[in-house]
C-alpha atoms as a PDB file:
ATOM      1  CA  MET A   1     143.307 -55.359-132.195  1.00  0.00           C
ATOM      2  CA  THR A   2     146.081 -56.868-133.925  1.00  0.00           C
ATOM      3  CA  SER A   3     147.002 -60.616-133.122  1.00  0.00           C
ATOM      4  CA  SER A   4     150.263 -59.359-131.872  1.00  0.00           C
ATOM      5  CA  ASN A   5     148.312 -57.301-129.011  1.00  0.00           C
ATOM      6  CA  GLN A   6     145.995 -59.744-127.949  1.00  0.00           C
ATOM      7  CA  GLU A   7     146.691 -61.675-125.074  1.00  0.00           C
ATOM      8  CA  SER A   8     148.226 -65.422-125.131  1.00  0.00           C
ATOM      9  CA  SER A   9     148.992 -68.129-122.546  1.00  0.00           C
ATOM     10  CA  THR A  10     152.915 -66.998-123.113  1.00  0.00           C
ATOM     11  CA  THR A  11     152.986 -63.573-123.359  1.00  0.00           C
ATOM     12  CA  THR A  12     151.204 -60.044-121.765  1.00  0.00           C
ATOM     13  CA  THR A  13     149.530 -57.268-123.076  1.00  0.00           C
ATOM     14  CA  THR A  14     152.021 -54.964-122.309  1.00  0.00           C
ATOM     15  CA  LYS A  15     155.401 -55.361-122.008  1.00  0.00           C
ATOM     16  CA  GLN A  16     157.026 -56.299-118.414  1.00  0.00           C
ATOM     17  CA  VAL A  17     159.119 -53.802-117.202  1.00  0.00           C
ATOM     18  CA  PHE A  18     160.023 -54.829-113.490  1.00  0.00           C
ATOM     19  CA  PRO A  19     159.361 -58.212-111.896  1.00  0.00           C
ATOM     20  CA  GLU A  20     156.281 -58.201-109.875  1.00  0.00           C
ATOM     21  CA  PRO A  21     155.797 -57.886-106.125  1.00  0.00           C
ATOM     22  CA  THR A  22     153.059 -60.094-105.011  1.00  0.00           C
ATOM     23  CA  VAL A  23     151.863 -61.316-101.199  1.00  0.00           C
ATOM     24  CA  GLY A  24     150.364 -64.904-100.884  1.00  0.00           C
ATOM     25  CA  ALA A  25     148.711 -65.847 -97.624  1.00  0.00           C
ATOM     26  CA  LEU A  26     148.916 -69.333 -95.841  1.00  0.00           C
ATOM     27  CA  ILE A  27     146.123 -68.925 -93.971  1.00  0.00           C
ATOM     28  CA  VAL A  28     145.088 -71.171 -91.253  1.00  0.00           C
ATOM     29  CA  ASP A  29     142.346 -71.417 -89.302  1.00  0.00           C
ATOM     30  CA  GLN A  30     141.862 -72.254 -85.479  1.00  0.00           C
ATOM     31  CA  GLN A  31     141.845 -76.398 -86.260  1.00  0.00           C
ATOM     32  CA  GLY A  32     145.070 -75.673 -87.698  1.00  0.00           C
ATOM     33  CA  LYS A  33     143.645 -76.388 -91.241  1.00  0.00           C
ATOM     34  CA  ILE A  34     144.902 -74.262 -94.323  1.00  0.00           C
ATOM     35  CA  LEU A  35     143.023 -72.745 -96.903  1.00  0.00           C
ATOM     36  CA  LEU A  36     144.379 -73.879-100.120  1.00  0.00           C
ATOM     37  CA  ALA A  37     142.791 -71.702-103.320  1.00  0.00           C
ATOM     38  CA  ARG A  38     141.999 -73.331-106.641  1.00  0.00           C
ATOM     39  CA  SER A  39     142.644 -70.906-109.424  1.00  0.00           C
ATOM     40  CA  HIS A  40     142.790 -71.043-113.593  1.00  0.00           C
ATOM     41  CA  LYS A  41     145.133 -69.047-113.630  1.00  0.00           C
ATOM     42  CA  TRP A  42     147.490 -71.788-112.006  1.00  0.00           C
ATOM     43  CA  PHE A  43     146.130 -74.120-114.486  1.00  0.00           C
ATOM     44  CA  ASP A  44     143.801 -75.563-111.941  1.00  0.00           C
ATOM     45  CA  LYS A  45     146.472 -76.083-109.133  1.00  0.00           C
ATOM     46  CA  TYR A  46     146.037 -74.900-105.686  1.00  0.00           C
ATOM     47  CA  THR A  47     147.624 -71.713-104.573  1.00  0.00           C
ATOM     48  CA  LEU A  48     147.970 -69.714-102.115  1.00  0.00           C
ATOM     49  CA  PRO A  49     145.611 -66.329-102.101  1.00  0.00           C
ATOM     50  CA  GLY A  50     147.171 -63.157-102.873  1.00  0.00           C
ATOM     51  CA  GLY A  51     148.228 -60.583-105.371  1.00  0.00           C
ATOM     52  CA  HIS A  52     149.850 -57.678-106.187  1.00  0.00           C
ATOM     53  CA  ILE A  53     151.177 -54.949-103.716  1.00  0.00           C
ATOM     54  CA  GLU A  54     149.643 -51.574-104.817  1.00  0.00           C
ATOM     55  CA  VAL A  55     152.113 -48.377-104.367  1.00  0.00           C
ATOM     56  CA  GLY A  56     152.158 -47.190-100.875  1.00  0.00           C
ATOM     57  CA  GLU A  57     150.619 -50.182 -99.443  1.00  0.00           C
ATOM     58  CA  SER A  58     152.723 -52.503 -96.836  1.00  0.00           C
ATOM     59  CA  MET A  59     153.504 -56.162 -98.144  1.00  0.00           C
ATOM     60  CA  VAL A  60     151.052 -56.342 -94.380  1.00  0.00           C
ATOM     61  CA  ASP A  61     148.061 -54.401 -95.523  1.00  0.00           C
ATOM     62  CA  ALA A  62     148.577 -55.467 -98.964  1.00  0.00           C
ATOM     63  CA  VAL A  63     148.170 -59.613 -97.972  1.00  0.00           C
ATOM     64  CA  LYS A  64     145.203 -58.500 -95.859  1.00  0.00           C
ATOM     65  CA  ARG A  65     143.837 -57.061 -98.547  1.00  0.00           C
ATOM     66  CA  GLU A  66     143.927 -59.600-100.868  1.00  0.00           C
ATOM     67  CA  VAL A  67     142.792 -62.518 -99.018  1.00  0.00           C
ATOM     68  CA  LYS A  68     139.611 -59.861 -98.085  1.00  0.00           C
ATOM     69  CA  GLU A  69     139.260 -59.556-101.808  1.00  0.00           C
ATOM     70  CA  GLU A  70     139.633 -63.055-102.987  1.00  0.00           C
ATOM     71  CA  VAL A  71     138.140 -65.423 -99.979  1.00  0.00           C
ATOM     72  CA  GLY A  72     136.414 -62.798 -97.872  1.00  0.00           C
ATOM     73  CA  LEU A  73     138.330 -63.282 -94.595  1.00  0.00           C
ATOM     74  CA  ASP A  74     139.608 -61.100 -92.226  1.00  0.00           C
ATOM     75  CA  VAL A  75     143.452 -62.313 -91.253  1.00  0.00           C
ATOM     76  CA  GLU A  76     146.403 -61.729 -89.090  1.00  0.00           C
ATOM     77  CA  ALA A  77     149.463 -62.077 -90.671  1.00  0.00           C
ATOM     78  CA  VAL A  78     151.930 -63.748 -88.388  1.00  0.00           C
ATOM     79  CA  GLU A  79     155.029 -63.631 -90.022  1.00  0.00           C
ATOM     80  CA  MET A  80     156.634 -63.361 -93.382  1.00  0.00           C
ATOM     81  CA  LEU A  81     157.341 -67.504 -94.419  1.00  0.00           C
ATOM     82  CA  LEU A  82     159.303 -67.120 -97.618  1.00  0.00           C
ATOM     83  CA  VAL A  83     160.218 -65.266-100.616  1.00  0.00           C
ATOM     84  CA  GLN A  84     160.568 -66.378-103.957  1.00  0.00           C
ATOM     85  CA  GLU A  85     160.970 -65.965-107.421  1.00  0.00           C
ATOM     86  CA  ALA A  86     158.990 -67.017-110.132  1.00  0.00           C
ATOM     87  CA  ILE A  87     160.405 -66.227-113.828  1.00  0.00           C
ATOM     88  CA  PHE A  88     158.288 -67.082-116.686  1.00  0.00           C
ATOM     89  CA  ALA A  89     156.726 -70.088-114.523  1.00  0.00           C
ATOM     90  CA  PRO A  90     154.871 -72.831-117.105  1.00  0.00           C
ATOM     91  CA  GLU A  91     152.410 -73.629-114.063  1.00  0.00           C
ATOM     92  CA  PHE A  92     151.211 -69.476-114.795  1.00  0.00           C
ATOM     93  CA  TYR A  93     148.794 -68.899-117.366  1.00  0.00           C
ATOM     94  CA  LYS A  94     150.958 -65.941-118.024  1.00  0.00           C
ATOM     95  CA  LYS A  95     154.638 -65.188-118.888  1.00  0.00           C
ATOM     96  CA  LYS A  96     155.163 -63.121-116.242  1.00  0.00           C
ATOM     97  CA  HIS A  97     158.086 -62.278-113.426  1.00  0.00           C
ATOM     98  CA  PHE A  98     157.325 -62.329-109.752  1.00  0.00           C
ATOM     99  CA  ILE A  99     158.457 -61.820-106.591  1.00  0.00           C
ATOM    100  CA  PHE A 100     156.211 -63.779-104.346  1.00  0.00           C
ATOM    101  CA  ILE A 101     156.240 -62.621-100.721  1.00  0.00           C
ATOM    102  CA  ASP A 102     154.368 -65.433 -98.620  1.00  0.00           C
ATOM    103  CA  PHE A 103     152.873 -64.619 -95.236  1.00  0.00           C
ATOM    104  CA  TYR A 104     152.005 -67.473 -92.448  1.00  0.00           C
ATOM    105  CA  CYS A 105     148.404 -65.574 -91.200  1.00  0.00           C
ATOM    106  CA  LYS A 106     145.760 -66.767 -89.179  1.00  0.00           C
ATOM    107  CA  SER A 107     142.151 -66.462 -89.004  1.00  0.00           C
ATOM    108  CA  LYS A 108     139.147 -66.990 -86.662  1.00  0.00           C
ATOM    109  CA  ASP A 109     136.601 -67.434 -89.439  1.00  0.00           C
ATOM    110  CA  GLN A 110     136.557 -70.330 -92.656  1.00  0.00           C
ATOM    111  CA  GLN A 111     133.341 -68.883 -93.640  1.00  0.00           C
ATOM    112  CA  VAL A 112     135.327 -68.376 -97.329  1.00  0.00           C
ATOM    113  CA  LYS A 113     133.603 -65.987 -99.924  1.00  0.00           C
ATOM    114  CA  LEU A 114     135.165 -66.397-103.189  1.00  0.00           C
ATOM    115  CA  ASP A 115     135.960 -63.733-105.365  1.00  0.00           C
ATOM    116  CA  GLN A 116     134.729 -66.141-108.139  1.00  0.00           C
ATOM    117  CA  ASN A 117     137.636 -64.211-110.721  1.00  0.00           C
ATOM    118  CA  GLU A 118     140.622 -65.106-109.517  1.00  0.00           C
ATOM    119  CA  ILE A 119     139.500 -68.243-107.468  1.00  0.00           C
ATOM    120  CA  GLN A 120     137.123 -71.020-108.635  1.00  0.00           C
ATOM    121  CA  ASP A 121     137.512 -73.502-105.458  1.00  0.00           C
ATOM    122  CA  TYR A 122     138.718 -74.089-102.167  1.00  0.00           C
ATOM    123  CA  ILE A 123     139.686 -76.559 -99.480  1.00  0.00           C
ATOM    124  CA  TRP A 124     140.788 -76.597 -96.127  1.00  0.00           C
ATOM    125  CA  VAL A 125     143.034 -79.237 -95.227  1.00  0.00           C
ATOM    126  CA  TYR A 126     145.617 -79.959 -92.875  1.00  0.00           C
ATOM    127  CA  PRO A 127     148.792 -79.422 -93.602  1.00  0.00           C
ATOM    128  CA  GLY A 128     150.346 -82.652 -94.215  1.00  0.00           C
ATOM    129  CA  ALA A 129     147.229 -83.903 -96.220  1.00  0.00           C
ATOM    130  CA  ALA A 130     147.488 -80.326 -98.542  1.00  0.00           C
ATOM    131  CA  TYR A 131     150.547 -82.938-100.018  1.00  0.00           C
ATOM    132  CA  ASN A 132     148.105 -85.182-101.664  1.00  0.00           C
ATOM    133  CA  LEU A 133     146.613 -82.733-103.637  1.00  0.00           C
ATOM    134  CA  LYS A 134     147.815 -80.561-107.077  1.00  0.00           C
ATOM    135  CA  LEU A 135     149.496 -77.790-105.146  1.00  0.00           C
ATOM    136  CA  ASP A 136     151.575 -75.343-107.441  1.00  0.00           C
ATOM    137  CA  SER A 137     155.323 -75.435-107.045  1.00  0.00           C
ATOM    138  CA  PHE A 138     155.819 -72.048-104.793  1.00  0.00           C
ATOM    139  CA  THR A 139     152.847 -73.062-102.667  1.00  0.00           C
ATOM    140  CA  ARG A 140     154.188 -76.878-101.914  1.00  0.00           C
ATOM    141  CA  LYS A 141     157.922 -74.552-100.943  1.00  0.00           C
ATOM    142  CA  THR A 142     155.678 -72.599 -98.765  1.00  0.00           C
ATOM    143  CA  LEU A 143     154.213 -75.349 -97.122  1.00  0.00           C
ATOM    144  CA  ASP A 144     157.624 -77.185 -96.613  1.00  0.00           C
ATOM    145  CA  ARG A 145     158.576 -73.892 -94.648  1.00  0.00           C
ATOM    146  CA  TYR A 146     155.507 -73.771 -92.624  1.00  0.00           C
ATOM    147  CA  LEU A 147     156.248 -77.471 -91.282  1.00  0.00           C
ATOM    148  CA  LYS A 148     159.994 -76.626 -90.993  1.00  0.00           C
ATOM    149  CA  ARG A 149     159.434 -73.889 -88.632  1.00  0.00           C
ATOM    150  CA  GLY A 150     157.087 -76.479 -86.565  1.00  0.00           C
ATOM    151  CA  TYR A 151     153.786 -74.640 -87.208  1.00  0.00           C
ATOM    152  CA  GLY A 152     151.427 -77.021 -87.917  1.00  0.00           C
ATOM    153  CA  SER A 153     152.478 -80.129 -85.957  1.00  0.00           C
ATOM    154  CA  SER A 154     149.570 -79.884 -83.623  1.00  0.00           C
ATOM    155  CA  PRO A 155     145.974 -77.950 -84.177  1.00  0.00           C
ATOM    156  CA  SER A 156     146.535 -75.550 -81.421  1.00  0.00           C
ATOM    157  CA  ARG A 157     150.462 -74.593 -82.741  1.00  0.00           C
ATOM    158  CA  GLY A 158     150.875 -71.333 -83.354  1.00  0.00           C
ATOM    159  CA  LEU A 159     147.311 -70.090 -82.998  1.00  0.00           C
END
């Protein structure tokens, strides 16, 4: 493999032709805490579990599948919170153009089982306390929207 074909922090191995649609899950447990995941892909900032939508897969099915794969939880997608565009975000380890479609999801379980590939660590935290953590800017905006909608104002709200 020549150096021009090798993956680096600013290029991809194959040229991206179109923006990549992805889903993210702001997961809330029965106590009103949210799950944040730390990923090396985001330079160890906290982010939301999620990933690509597969061809023929609905966004809701994709968010359920990605959450199950990455953190081992079964979730219910309550509503779409926010659509964001990330064009070559310096916070991400590759130069990519993403369309993020983030959902508010509920989980009755807190037993996270990390895939150890996409996510290296996690934390359950009350939404307000999440602002004290090192969040990527897209997760911060999704959290802002969640709280603006009136969710998270009390532990039982929305569950």
